[in-house]
Amino acid sequence: SMADWDERFFGEAPNGLTREGVEDAWIAHLEALWARGTPWA
């Protein structure tokens, strides 16, 4: 639900986000944790 908040409530241009893209970016964060020895869970 937050994906369109910037556009709807702050007048920003559409951000073009997709769930797939957000998931991929999030997995990059989990991979960085994993590389440092932190459980991704």
Full PDB file with SEQRES, HELIX, SHEET, SSBOND, CRYST1, ORIGX, SCALE, CONECT and MASTER records, all heavy atoms in Angstrom:
SEQRES   1 A   41  SER MET ALA ASP TRP ASP GLU ARG PHE PHE GLY GLU ALA          
SEQRES   2 A   41  PRO ASN GLY LEU THR ARG GLU GLY VAL GLU ASP ALA TRP          
SEQRES   3 A   41  ILE ALA HIS LEU GLU ALA LEU TRP ALA ARG GLY THR PRO          
SEQRES   4 A   41  TRP ALA                                                      
HELIX    1 AA1 MET A    2  ASP A    4  5                                   3    
HELIX    2 AA2 TRP A    5  PHE A   10  1                                   6    
HELIX    3 AA3 ARG A   19  ALA A   35  1                                  17    
CRYST1    1.000    1.000    1.000  90.00  90.00  90.00 P 1           1          
ORIGX1      1.000000  0.000000  0.000000        0.00000                         
ORIGX2      0.000000  1.000000  0.000000        0.00000                         
ORIGX3      0.000000  0.000000  1.000000        0.00000                         
SCALE1      1.000000  0.000000  0.000000        0.00000                         
SCALE2      0.000000  1.000000  0.000000        0.00000                         
SCALE3      0.000000  0.000000  1.000000        0.00000                         
ATOM      1  N   SER A   1       0.825  -1.212   0.000  1.00  0.00           N  
ATOM      2  CA  SER A   1       0.000   0.000   0.000  1.00  0.00           C  
ATOM      3  C   SER A   1       0.856   1.257   0.000  1.00  0.00           C  
ATOM      4  O   SER A   1       0.420   2.319  -0.452  1.00  0.00           O  
ATOM      5  CB  SER A   1      -0.936   0.006   1.214  1.00  0.00           C  
ATOM      6  OG  SER A   1      -0.197   0.143   2.425  1.00  0.00           O  
ATOM      7  N   MET A   2       2.091   1.156   0.490  1.00  0.00           N  
ATOM      8  CA  MET A   2       2.960   2.334   0.555  1.00  0.00           C  
ATOM      9  C   MET A   2       3.568   2.695  -0.787  1.00  0.00           C  
ATOM     10  O   MET A   2       4.157   3.776  -0.935  1.00  0.00           O  
ATOM     11  CB  MET A   2       4.087   2.092   1.566  1.00  0.00           C  
ATOM     12  CG  MET A   2       3.605   2.002   3.001  1.00  0.00           C  
ATOM     13  SD  MET A   2       4.985   1.943   4.190  1.00  0.00           S  
ATOM     14  CE  MET A   2       5.437   0.217   4.072  1.00  0.00           C  
ATOM     15  N   ALA A   3       3.441   1.815  -1.772  1.00  0.00           N  
ATOM     16  CA  ALA A   3       4.156   2.013  -3.033  1.00  0.00           C  
ATOM     17  C   ALA A   3       3.713   3.266  -3.787  1.00  0.00           C  
ATOM     18  O   ALA A   3       4.487   3.817  -4.567  1.00  0.00           O  
ATOM     19  CB  ALA A   3       4.006   0.783  -3.920  1.00  0.00           C  
ATOM     20  N   ASP A   4       2.477   3.729  -3.561  1.00  0.00           N  
ATOM     21  CA  ASP A   4       2.042   4.939  -4.264  1.00  0.00           C  
ATOM     22  C   ASP A   4       1.889   6.138  -3.332  1.00  0.00           C  
ATOM     23  O   ASP A   4       1.356   7.170  -3.729  1.00  0.00           O  
ATOM     24  CB  ASP A   4       0.742   4.683  -5.026  1.00  0.00           C  
ATOM     25  CG  ASP A   4      -0.464   4.513  -4.115  1.00  0.00           C  
ATOM     26  OD1 ASP A   4      -0.275   4.343  -2.886  1.00  0.00           O  
ATOM     27  OD2 ASP A   4      -1.602   4.541  -4.627  1.00  0.00           O  
ATOM     28  N   TRP A   5       2.374   6.032  -2.114  1.00  0.00           N  
ATOM     29  CA  TRP A   5       2.237   7.145  -1.176  1.00  0.00           C  
ATOM     30  C   TRP A   5       2.981   8.386  -1.651  1.00  0.00           C  
ATOM     31  O   TRP A   5       2.486   9.509  -1.501  1.00  0.00           O  
ATOM     32  CB  TRP A   5       2.755   6.743   0.208  1.00  0.00           C  
ATOM     33  CG  TRP A   5       1.791   5.893   0.997  1.00  0.00           C  
ATOM     34  CD1 TRP A   5       0.624   5.347   0.554  1.00  0.00           C  
ATOM     35  CD2 TRP A   5       1.934   5.491   2.360  1.00  0.00           C  
ATOM     36  NE1 TRP A   5       0.030   4.615   1.559  1.00  0.00           N  
ATOM     37  CE2 TRP A   5       0.812   4.685   2.664  1.00  0.00           C  
ATOM     38  CE3 TRP A   5       2.900   5.698   3.338  1.00  0.00           C  
ATOM     39  CZ2 TRP A   5       0.639   4.116   3.937  1.00  0.00           C  
ATOM     40  CZ3 TRP A   5       2.727   5.137   4.594  1.00  0.00           C  
ATOM     41  CH2 TRP A   5       1.605   4.361   4.891  1.00  0.00           C  
ATOM     42  N   ASP A   6       4.172   8.215  -2.205  1.00  0.00           N  
ATOM     43  CA  ASP A   6       4.941   9.389  -2.634  1.00  0.00           C  
ATOM     44  C   ASP A   6       4.190  10.167  -3.711  1.00  0.00           C  
ATOM     45  O   ASP A   6       4.161  11.401  -3.705  1.00  0.00           O  
ATOM     46  CB  ASP A   6       6.313   8.966  -3.158  1.00  0.00           C  
ATOM     47  CG  ASP A   6       7.213   8.408  -2.066  1.00  0.00           C  
ATOM     48  OD1 ASP A   6       6.860   8.536  -0.877  1.00  0.00           O  
ATOM     49  OD2 ASP A   6       8.267   7.841  -2.402  1.00  0.00           O  
ATOM     50  N   GLU A   7       3.594   9.426  -4.632  1.00  0.00           N  
ATOM     51  CA  GLU A   7       2.836  10.075  -5.703  1.00  0.00           C  
ATOM     52  C   GLU A   7       1.543  10.676  -5.173  1.00  0.00           C  
ATOM     53  O   GLU A   7       1.220  11.840  -5.455  1.00  0.00           O  
ATOM     54  CB  GLU A   7       2.529   9.052  -6.798  1.00  0.00           C  
ATOM     55  CG  GLU A   7       1.693   9.621  -7.941  1.00  0.00           C  
ATOM     56  CD  GLU A   7       1.324   8.564  -8.972  1.00  0.00           C  
ATOM     57  OE1 GLU A   7       1.725   7.385  -8.816  1.00  0.00           O  
ATOM     58  OE2 GLU A   7       0.615   8.925  -9.941  1.00  0.00           O  
ATOM     59  N   ARG A   8       0.814   9.896  -4.368  1.00  0.00           N  
ATOM     60  CA  ARG A   8      -0.513  10.326  -3.948  1.00  0.00           C  
ATOM     61  C   ARG A   8      -0.484  11.438  -2.902  1.00  0.00           C  
ATOM     62  O   ARG A   8      -1.310  12.355  -2.947  1.00  0.00           O  
ATOM     63  CB  ARG A   8      -1.297   9.126  -3.396  1.00  0.00           C  
ATOM     64  CG  ARG A   8      -2.706   9.457  -2.966  1.00  0.00           C  
ATOM     65  CD  ARG A   8      -3.537   8.226  -2.744  1.00  0.00           C  
ATOM     66  NE  ARG A   8      -4.911   8.553  -2.388  1.00  0.00           N  
ATOM     67  CZ  ARG A   8      -5.863   7.662  -2.154  1.00  0.00           C  
ATOM     68  NH1 ARG A   8      -5.587   6.375  -2.259  1.00  0.00           N  
ATOM     69  NH2 ARG A   8      -7.077   8.041  -1.829  1.00  0.00           N  
ATOM     70  N   PHE A   9       0.457  11.362  -1.978  1.00  0.00           N  
ATOM     71  CA  PHE A   9       0.427  12.287  -0.848  1.00  0.00           C  
ATOM     72  C   PHE A   9       1.548  13.325  -0.838  1.00  0.00           C  
ATOM     73  O   PHE A   9       1.520  14.262  -0.047  1.00  0.00           O  
ATOM     74  CB  PHE A   9       0.441  11.494   0.464  1.00  0.00           C  
ATOM     75  CG  PHE A   9      -0.740  10.570   0.610  1.00  0.00           C  
ATOM     76  CD1 PHE A   9      -0.563   9.199   0.625  1.00  0.00           C  
ATOM     77  CD2 PHE A   9      -2.026  11.072   0.704  1.00  0.00           C  
ATOM     78  CE1 PHE A   9      -1.647   8.338   0.749  1.00  0.00           C  
ATOM     79  CE2 PHE A   9      -3.123  10.230   0.817  1.00  0.00           C  
ATOM     80  CZ  PHE A   9      -2.931   8.853   0.839  1.00  0.00           C  
ATOM     81  N   PHE A  10       2.539  13.161  -1.737  1.00  0.00           N  
ATOM     82  CA  PHE A  10       3.629  14.131  -1.806  1.00  0.00           C  
ATOM     83  C   PHE A  10       3.800  14.745  -3.193  1.00  0.00           C  
ATOM     84  O   PHE A  10       4.729  15.504  -3.424  1.00  0.00           O  
ATOM     85  CB  PHE A  10       4.949  13.477  -1.369  1.00  0.00           C  
ATOM     86  CG  PHE A  10       5.002  13.132   0.084  1.00  0.00           C  
ATOM     87  CD1 PHE A  10       4.682  11.855   0.518  1.00  0.00           C  
ATOM     88  CD2 PHE A  10       5.360  14.077   1.039  1.00  0.00           C  
ATOM     89  CE1 PHE A  10       4.728  11.517   1.869  1.00  0.00           C  
ATOM     90  CE2 PHE A  10       5.417  13.755   2.386  1.00  0.00           C  
ATOM     91  CZ  PHE A  10       5.092  12.466   2.798  1.00  0.00           C  
ATOM     92  N   GLY A  11       2.915  14.389  -4.130  1.00  0.00           N  
ATOM     93  CA  GLY A  11       2.985  14.986  -5.449  1.00  0.00           C  
ATOM     94  C   GLY A  11       4.158  14.546  -6.288  1.00  0.00           C  
ATOM     95  O   GLY A  11       4.532  15.227  -7.256  1.00  0.00           O  
ATOM     96  N   GLU A  12       4.769  13.409  -5.957  1.00  0.00           N  
ATOM     97  CA  GLU A  12       5.905  12.899  -6.715  1.00  0.00           C  
ATOM     98  C   GLU A  12       5.438  12.295  -8.048  1.00  0.00           C  
ATOM     99  O   GLU A  12       4.273  11.916  -8.214  1.00  0.00           O  
ATOM    100  CB  GLU A  12       6.633  11.818  -5.915  1.00  0.00           C  
ATOM    101  CG  GLU A  12       7.296  12.322  -4.648  1.00  0.00           C  
ATOM    102  CD  GLU A  12       8.623  12.990  -4.937  1.00  0.00           C  
ATOM    103  OE1 GLU A  12       9.478  12.376  -5.592  1.00  0.00           O  
ATOM    104  OE2 GLU A  12       8.794  14.141  -4.499  1.00  0.00           O  
ATOM    105  N   ALA A  13       6.353  12.195  -8.986  1.00  0.00           N  
ATOM    106  CA  ALA A  13       6.053  11.500 -10.234  1.00  0.00           C  
ATOM    107  C   ALA A  13       5.888  10.007  -9.947  1.00  0.00           C  
ATOM    108  O   ALA A  13       6.437   9.489  -8.969  1.00  0.00           O  
ATOM    109  CB  ALA A  13       7.189  11.712 -11.232  1.00  0.00           C  
ATOM    110  N   PRO A  14       5.131   9.283 -10.777  1.00  0.00           N  
ATOM    111  CA  PRO A  14       4.999   7.832 -10.582  1.00  0.00           C  
ATOM    112  C   PRO A  14       6.369   7.176 -10.518  1.00  0.00           C  
ATOM    113  O   PRO A  14       7.274   7.509 -11.291  1.00  0.00           O  
ATOM    114  CB  PRO A  14       4.205   7.385 -11.814  1.00  0.00           C  
ATOM    115  CG  PRO A  14       3.436   8.604 -12.234  1.00  0.00           C  
ATOM    116  CD  PRO A  14       4.329   9.762 -11.931  1.00  0.00           C  
ATOM    117  N   ASN A  15       6.528   6.250  -9.560  1.00  0.00           N  
ATOM    118  CA  ASN A  15       7.852   5.674  -9.344  1.00  0.00           C  
ATOM    119  C   ASN A  15       8.112   4.408 -10.151  1.00  0.00           C  
ATOM    120  O   ASN A  15       9.243   3.917 -10.192  1.00  0.00           O  
ATOM    121  CB  ASN A  15       8.081   5.387  -7.853  1.00  0.00           C  
ATOM    122  CG  ASN A  15       6.985   4.521  -7.251  1.00  0.00           C  
ATOM    123  OD1 ASN A  15       6.419   3.653  -7.913  1.00  0.00           O  
ATOM    124  ND2 ASN A  15       6.678   4.748  -5.979  1.00  0.00           N  
ATOM    125  N   GLY A  16       7.078   3.872 -10.782  1.00  0.00           N  
ATOM    126  CA  GLY A  16       7.267   2.698 -11.620  1.00  0.00           C  
ATOM    127  C   GLY A  16       7.617   1.426 -10.863  1.00  0.00           C  
ATOM    128  O   GLY A  16       8.081   0.444 -11.461  1.00  0.00           O  
ATOM    129  N   LEU A  17       7.394   1.430  -9.547  1.00  0.00           N  
ATOM    130  CA  LEU A  17       7.727   0.242  -8.769  1.00  0.00           C  
ATOM    131  C   LEU A  17       6.866  -0.954  -9.167  1.00  0.00           C  
ATOM    132  O   LEU A  17       5.694  -0.811  -9.502  1.00  0.00           O  
ATOM    133  CB  LEU A  17       7.520   0.512  -7.272  1.00  0.00           C  
ATOM    134  CG  LEU A  17       8.488   1.462  -6.574  1.00  0.00           C  
ATOM    135  CD1 LEU A  17       8.068   1.664  -5.126  1.00  0.00           C  
ATOM    136  CD2 LEU A  17       9.912   0.933  -6.644  1.00  0.00           C  
ATOM    137  N   THR A  18       7.473  -2.119  -9.112  1.00  0.00           N  
ATOM    138  CA  THR A  18       6.750  -3.385  -9.233  1.00  0.00           C  
ATOM    139  C   THR A  18       7.101  -4.236  -8.028  1.00  0.00           C  
ATOM    140  O   THR A  18       8.163  -4.069  -7.411  1.00  0.00           O  
ATOM    141  CB  THR A  18       7.146  -4.150 -10.507  1.00  0.00           C  
ATOM    142  OG1 THR A  18       8.537  -4.522 -10.406  1.00  0.00           O  
ATOM    143  CG2 THR A  18       6.917  -3.300 -11.749  1.00  0.00           C  
ATOM    144  N   ARG A  19       6.225  -5.159  -7.701  1.00  0.00           N  
ATOM    145  CA  ARG A  19       6.531  -6.040  -6.564  1.00  0.00           C  
ATOM    146  C   ARG A  19       7.773  -6.868  -6.858  1.00  0.00           C  
ATOM    147  O   ARG A  19       8.590  -7.119  -5.962  1.00  0.00           O  
ATOM    148  CB  ARG A  19       5.333  -6.941  -6.266  1.00  0.00           C  
ATOM    149  CG  ARG A  19       4.104  -6.191  -5.772  1.00  0.00           C  
ATOM    150  CD  ARG A  19       3.042  -7.165  -5.295  1.00  0.00           C  
ATOM    151  NE  ARG A  19       1.701  -6.629  -5.457  1.00  0.00           N  
ATOM    152  CZ  ARG A  19       0.795  -6.533  -4.487  1.00  0.00           C  
ATOM    153  NH1 ARG A  19       1.086  -6.933  -3.268  1.00  0.00           N  
ATOM    154  NH2 ARG A  19      -0.403  -6.049  -4.720  1.00  0.00           N  
ATOM    155  N   GLU A  20       7.909  -7.284  -8.109  1.00  0.00           N  
ATOM    156  CA  GLU A  20       9.095  -8.065  -8.472  1.00  0.00           C  
ATOM    157  C   GLU A  20      10.372  -7.257  -8.247  1.00  0.00           C  
ATOM    158  O   GLU A  20      11.373  -7.767  -7.724  1.00  0.00           O  
ATOM    159  CB  GLU A  20       9.019  -8.513  -9.928  1.00  0.00           C  
ATOM    160  CG  GLU A  20       7.955  -9.550 -10.234  1.00  0.00           C  
ATOM    161  CD  GLU A  20       6.587  -8.921 -10.523  1.00  0.00           C  
ATOM    162  OE1 GLU A  20       6.453  -7.677 -10.384  1.00  0.00           O  
ATOM    163  OE2 GLU A  20       5.662  -9.677 -10.891  1.00  0.00           O  
ATOM    164  N   GLY A  21      10.342  -5.989  -8.657  1.00  0.00           N  
ATOM    165  CA  GLY A  21      11.518  -5.144  -8.490  1.00  0.00           C  
ATOM    166  C   GLY A  21      11.840  -4.888  -7.033  1.00  0.00           C  
ATOM    167  O   GLY A  21      13.016  -4.886  -6.631  1.00  0.00           O  
ATOM    168  N   VAL A  22      10.808  -4.644  -6.223  1.00  0.00           N  
ATOM    169  CA  VAL A  22      11.024  -4.436  -4.791  1.00  0.00           C  
ATOM    170  C   VAL A  22      11.582  -5.709  -4.154  1.00  0.00           C  
ATOM    171  O   VAL A  22      12.510  -5.660  -3.339  1.00  0.00           O  
ATOM    172  CB  VAL A  22       9.714  -4.007  -4.105  1.00  0.00           C  
ATOM    173  CG1 VAL A  22       9.853  -4.039  -2.586  1.00  0.00           C  
ATOM    174  CG2 VAL A  22       9.314  -2.601  -4.569  1.00  0.00           C  
ATOM    175  N   GLU A  23      11.030  -6.854  -4.572  1.00  0.00           N  
ATOM    176  CA  GLU A  23      11.540  -8.115  -4.018  1.00  0.00           C  
ATOM    177  C   GLU A  23      13.015  -8.305  -4.371  1.00  0.00           C  
ATOM    178  O   GLU A  23      13.831  -8.682  -3.515  1.00  0.00           O  
ATOM    179  CB  GLU A  23      10.717  -9.303  -4.528  1.00  0.00           C  
ATOM    180  CG  GLU A  23      11.196 -10.628  -3.945  1.00  0.00           C  
ATOM    181  CD  GLU A  23      10.383 -11.820  -4.410  1.00  0.00           C  
ATOM    182  OE1 GLU A  23       9.241 -11.636  -4.885  1.00  0.00           O  
ATOM    183  OE2 GLU A  23      10.902 -12.949  -4.307  1.00  0.00           O  
ATOM    184  N   ASP A  24      13.388  -8.029  -5.599  1.00  0.00           N  
ATOM    185  CA  ASP A  24      14.791  -8.191  -5.998  1.00  0.00           C  
ATOM    186  C   ASP A  24      15.707  -7.272  -5.179  1.00  0.00           C  
ATOM    187  O   ASP A  24      16.800  -7.679  -4.748  1.00  0.00           O  
ATOM    188  CB  ASP A  24      14.962  -7.894  -7.484  1.00  0.00           C  
ATOM    189  CG  ASP A  24      14.411  -9.007  -8.375  1.00  0.00           C  
ATOM    190  OD1 ASP A  24      14.177 -10.129  -7.864  1.00  0.00           O  
ATOM    191  OD2 ASP A  24      14.205  -8.749  -9.577  1.00  0.00           O  
ATOM    192  N   ALA A  25      15.275  -6.040  -4.968  1.00  0.00           N  
ATOM    193  CA  ALA A  25      16.083  -5.108  -4.172  1.00  0.00           C  
ATOM    194  C   ALA A  25      16.194  -5.585  -2.728  1.00  0.00           C  
ATOM    195  O   ALA A  25      17.250  -5.457  -2.092  1.00  0.00           O  
ATOM    196  CB  ALA A  25      15.478  -3.705  -4.233  1.00  0.00           C  
ATOM    197  N   TRP A  26      15.119  -6.135  -2.225  1.00  0.00           N  
ATOM    198  CA  TRP A  26      15.114  -6.657  -0.859  1.00  0.00           C  
ATOM    199  C   TRP A  26      16.026  -7.874  -0.729  1.00  0.00           C  
ATOM    200  O   TRP A  26      16.762  -8.014   0.258  1.00  0.00           O  
ATOM    201  CB  TRP A  26      13.696  -6.991  -0.450  1.00  0.00           C  
ATOM    202  CG  TRP A  26      13.542  -7.569   0.929  1.00  0.00           C  
ATOM    203  CD1 TRP A  26      13.010  -8.768   1.272  1.00  0.00           C  
ATOM    204  CD2 TRP A  26      13.913  -6.949   2.174  1.00  0.00           C  
ATOM    205  NE1 TRP A  26      13.019  -8.946   2.629  1.00  0.00           N  
ATOM    206  CE2 TRP A  26      13.569  -7.834   3.207  1.00  0.00           C  
ATOM    207  CE3 TRP A  26      14.507  -5.725   2.492  1.00  0.00           C  
ATOM    208  CZ2 TRP A  26      13.803  -7.553   4.551  1.00  0.00           C  
ATOM    209  CZ3 TRP A  26      14.738  -5.437   3.844  1.00  0.00           C  
ATOM    210  CH2 TRP A  26      14.388  -6.346   4.847  1.00  0.00           C  
ATOM    211  N   ILE A  27      16.007  -8.741  -1.736  1.00  0.00           N  
ATOM    212  CA  ILE A  27      16.892  -9.909  -1.705  1.00  0.00           C  
ATOM    213  C   ILE A  27      18.355  -9.467  -1.688  1.00  0.00           C  
ATOM    214  O   ILE A  27      19.197 -10.093  -1.040  1.00  0.00           O  
ATOM    215  CB  ILE A  27      16.617 -10.839  -2.894  1.00  0.00           C  
ATOM    216  CG1 ILE A  27      15.173 -11.360  -2.846  1.00  0.00           C  
ATOM    217  CG2 ILE A  27      17.598 -12.008  -2.922  1.00  0.00           C  
ATOM    218  CD1 ILE A  27      14.784 -12.036  -1.549  1.00  0.00           C  
ATOM    219  N   ALA A  28      18.667  -8.372  -2.373  1.00  0.00           N  
ATOM    220  CA  ALA A  28      20.043  -7.856  -2.328  1.00  0.00           C  
ATOM    221  C   ALA A  28      20.428  -7.487  -0.896  1.00  0.00           C  
ATOM    222  O   ALA A  28      21.566  -7.718  -0.465  1.00  0.00           O  
ATOM    223  CB  ALA A  28      20.181  -6.650  -3.254  1.00  0.00           C  
ATOM    224  N   HIS A  29      19.481  -6.917  -0.150  1.00  0.00           N  
ATOM    225  CA  HIS A  29      19.744  -6.603   1.264  1.00  0.00           C  
ATOM    226  C   HIS A  29      19.969  -7.889   2.055  1.00  0.00           C  
ATOM    227  O   HIS A  29      20.901  -7.976   2.874  1.00  0.00           O  
ATOM    228  CB  HIS A  29      18.568  -5.818   1.846  1.00  0.00           C  
ATOM    229  CG  HIS A  29      18.686  -5.518   3.310  1.00  0.00           C  
ATOM    230  ND1 HIS A  29      19.602  -4.626   3.812  1.00  0.00           N  
ATOM    231  CD2 HIS A  29      18.009  -6.019   4.385  1.00  0.00           C  
ATOM    232  CE1 HIS A  29      19.484  -4.571   5.135  1.00  0.00           C  
ATOM    233  NE2 HIS A  29      18.531  -5.404   5.503  1.00  0.00           N  
ATOM    234  N   LEU A  30      19.127  -8.899   1.813  1.00  0.00           N  
ATOM    235  CA  LEU A  30      19.288 -10.166   2.526  1.00  0.00           C  
ATOM    236  C   LEU A  30      20.617 -10.827   2.182  1.00  0.00           C  
ATOM    237  O   LEU A  30      21.283 -11.412   3.050  1.00  0.00           O  
ATOM    238  CB  LEU A  30      18.133 -11.113   2.184  1.00  0.00           C  
ATOM    239  CG  LEU A  30      16.709 -10.658   2.519  1.00  0.00           C  
ATOM    240  CD1 LEU A  30      15.717 -11.784   2.248  1.00  0.00           C  
ATOM    241  CD2 LEU A  30      16.602 -10.190   3.964  1.00  0.00           C  
ATOM    242  N   GLU A  31      21.013 -10.738   0.910  1.00  0.00           N  
ATOM    243  CA  GLU A  31      22.292 -11.324   0.496  1.00  0.00           C  
ATOM    244  C   GLU A  31      23.459 -10.634   1.205  1.00  0.00           C  
ATOM    245  O   GLU A  31      24.440 -11.278   1.602  1.00  0.00           O  
ATOM    246  CB  GLU A  31      22.464 -11.217  -1.027  1.00  0.00           C  
ATOM    247  CG  GLU A  31      21.545 -12.123  -1.828  1.00  0.00           C  
ATOM    248  CD  GLU A  31      21.992 -13.588  -1.806  1.00  0.00           C  
ATOM    249  OE1 GLU A  31      23.109 -13.868  -1.309  1.00  0.00           O  
ATOM    250  OE2 GLU A  31      21.221 -14.444  -2.270  1.00  0.00           O  
ATOM    251  N   ALA A  32      23.361  -9.317   1.366  1.00  0.00           N  
ATOM    252  CA  ALA A  32      24.424  -8.588   2.070  1.00  0.00           C  
ATOM    253  C   ALA A  32      24.500  -9.037   3.529  1.00  0.00           C  
ATOM    254  O   ALA A  32      25.602  -9.187   4.084  1.00  0.00           O  
ATOM    255  CB  ALA A  32      24.182  -7.086   1.978  1.00  0.00           C  
ATOM    256  N   LEU A  33      23.348  -9.242   4.161  1.00  0.00           N  
ATOM    257  CA  LEU A  33      23.346  -9.764   5.528  1.00  0.00           C  
ATOM    258  C   LEU A  33      23.981 -11.144   5.586  1.00  0.00           C  
ATOM    259  O   LEU A  33      24.813 -11.437   6.454  1.00  0.00           O  
ATOM    260  CB  LEU A  33      21.907  -9.842   6.063  1.00  0.00           C  
ATOM    261  CG  LEU A  33      21.150  -8.540   6.279  1.00  0.00           C  
ATOM    262  CD1 LEU A  33      19.733  -8.841   6.762  1.00  0.00           C  
ATOM    263  CD2 LEU A  33      21.869  -7.649   7.287  1.00  0.00           C  
ATOM    264  N   TRP A  34      23.561 -11.988   4.646  1.00  0.00           N  
ATOM    265  CA  TRP A  34      24.055 -13.365   4.582  1.00  0.00           C  
ATOM    266  C   TRP A  34      25.578 -13.382   4.434  1.00  0.00           C  
ATOM    267  O   TRP A  34      26.274 -14.166   5.093  1.00  0.00           O  
ATOM    268  CB  TRP A  34      23.374 -14.056   3.410  1.00  0.00           C  
ATOM    269  CG  TRP A  34      23.793 -15.465   3.125  1.00  0.00           C  
ATOM    270  CD1 TRP A  34      24.714 -15.879   2.212  1.00  0.00           C  
ATOM    271  CD2 TRP A  34      23.296 -16.654   3.745  1.00  0.00           C  
ATOM    272  NE1 TRP A  34      24.813 -17.249   2.214  1.00  0.00           N  
ATOM    273  CE2 TRP A  34      23.961 -17.751   3.141  1.00  0.00           C  
ATOM    274  CE3 TRP A  34      22.354 -16.907   4.732  1.00  0.00           C  
ATOM    275  CZ2 TRP A  34      23.712 -19.067   3.505  1.00  0.00           C  
ATOM    276  CZ3 TRP A  34      22.107 -18.224   5.095  1.00  0.00           C  
ATOM    277  CH2 TRP A  34      22.779 -19.280   4.485  1.00  0.00           C  
ATOM    278  N   ALA A  35      26.096 -12.482   3.615  1.00  0.00           N  
ATOM    279  CA  ALA A  35      27.545 -12.423   3.397  1.00  0.00           C  
ATOM    280  C   ALA A  35      28.293 -12.020   4.662  1.00  0.00           C  
ATOM    281  O   ALA A  35      29.461 -12.389   4.844  1.00  0.00           O  
ATOM    282  CB  ALA A  35      27.864 -11.446   2.262  1.00  0.00           C  
ATOM    283  N   ARG A  36      27.623 -11.277   5.530  1.00  0.00           N  
ATOM    284  CA  ARG A  36      28.254 -10.858   6.792  1.00  0.00           C  
ATOM    285  C   ARG A  36      28.015 -11.858   7.920  1.00  0.00           C  
ATOM    286  O   ARG A  36      28.414 -11.618   9.061  1.00  0.00           O  
ATOM    287  CB  ARG A  36      27.721  -9.483   7.221  1.00  0.00           C  
ATOM    288  CG  ARG A  36      28.061  -8.361   6.259  1.00  0.00           C  
ATOM    289  CD  ARG A  36      27.867  -7.005   6.911  1.00  0.00           C  
ATOM    290  NE  ARG A  36      26.499  -6.747   7.322  1.00  0.00           N  
ATOM    291  CZ  ARG A  36      25.587  -6.139   6.562  1.00  0.00           C  
ATOM    292  NH1 ARG A  36      25.921  -5.738   5.329  1.00  0.00           N  
ATOM    293  NH2 ARG A  36      24.365  -5.925   6.998  1.00  0.00           N  
ATOM    294  N   GLY A  37      27.319 -12.954   7.601  1.00  0.00           N  
ATOM    295  CA  GLY A  37      27.072 -13.972   8.613  1.00  0.00           C  
ATOM    296  C   GLY A  37      25.820 -13.765   9.428  1.00  0.00           C  
ATOM    297  O   GLY A  37      25.609 -14.436  10.443  1.00  0.00           O  
ATOM    298  N   THR A  38      24.956 -12.836   9.004  1.00  0.00           N  
ATOM    299  CA  THR A  38      23.702 -12.585   9.713  1.00  0.00           C  
ATOM    300  C   THR A  38      22.591 -13.411   9.076  1.00  0.00           C  
ATOM    301  O   THR A  38      22.389 -13.331   7.860  1.00  0.00           O  
ATOM    302  CB  THR A  38      23.321 -11.095   9.643  1.00  0.00           C  
ATOM    303  OG1 THR A  38      24.366 -10.318  10.225  1.00  0.00           O  
ATOM    304  CG2 THR A  38      22.014 -10.826  10.386  1.00  0.00           C  
ATOM    305  N   PRO A  39      21.842 -14.198   9.836  1.00  0.00           N  
ATOM    306  CA  PRO A  39      20.747 -14.987   9.256  1.00  0.00           C  
ATOM    307  C   PRO A  39      19.732 -14.074   8.567  1.00  0.00           C  
ATOM    308  O   PRO A  39      19.277 -13.082   9.153  1.00  0.00           O  
ATOM    309  CB  PRO A  39      20.129 -15.687  10.472  1.00  0.00           C  
ATOM    310  CG  PRO A  39      21.212 -15.705  11.503  1.00  0.00           C  
ATOM    311  CD  PRO A  39      21.983 -14.439  11.296  1.00  0.00           C  
ATOM    312  N   TRP A  40      19.375 -14.405   7.342  1.00  0.00           N  
ATOM    313  CA  TRP A  40      18.450 -13.538   6.602  1.00  0.00           C  
ATOM    314  C   TRP A  40      17.052 -13.526   7.206  1.00  0.00           C  
ATOM    315  O   TRP A  40      16.283 -12.584   7.001  1.00  0.00           O  
ATOM    316  CB  TRP A  40      18.389 -13.935   5.126  1.00  0.00           C  
ATOM    317  CG  TRP A  40      18.098 -15.384   4.847  1.00  0.00           C  
ATOM    318  CD1 TRP A  40      19.006 -16.336   4.496  1.00  0.00           C  
ATOM    319  CD2 TRP A  40      16.824 -16.042   4.866  1.00  0.00           C  
ATOM    320  NE1 TRP A  40      18.385 -17.555   4.309  1.00  0.00           N  
ATOM    321  CE2 TRP A  40      17.051 -17.391   4.519  1.00  0.00           C  
ATOM    322  CE3 TRP A  40      15.522 -15.619   5.125  1.00  0.00           C  
ATOM    323  CZ2 TRP A  40      16.017 -18.337   4.453  1.00  0.00           C  
ATOM    324  CZ3 TRP A  40      14.486 -16.540   5.068  1.00  0.00           C  
ATOM    325  CH2 TRP A  40      14.725 -17.875   4.731  1.00  0.00           C  
ATOM    326  N   ALA A  41      16.718 -14.561   7.975  1.00  0.00           N  
ATOM    327  CA  ALA A  41      15.365 -14.645   8.536  1.00  0.00           C  
ATOM    328  C   ALA A  41      15.055 -13.511   9.502  1.00  0.00           C  
ATOM    329  O   ALA A  41      13.886 -13.140   9.667  1.00  0.00           O  
ATOM    330  CB  ALA A  41      15.171 -15.988   9.236  1.00  0.00           C  
TER     331      ALA A  41                                                      
MASTER        0    0    0    3    0    0    0    6  330    1    0    4          
END                                                                             
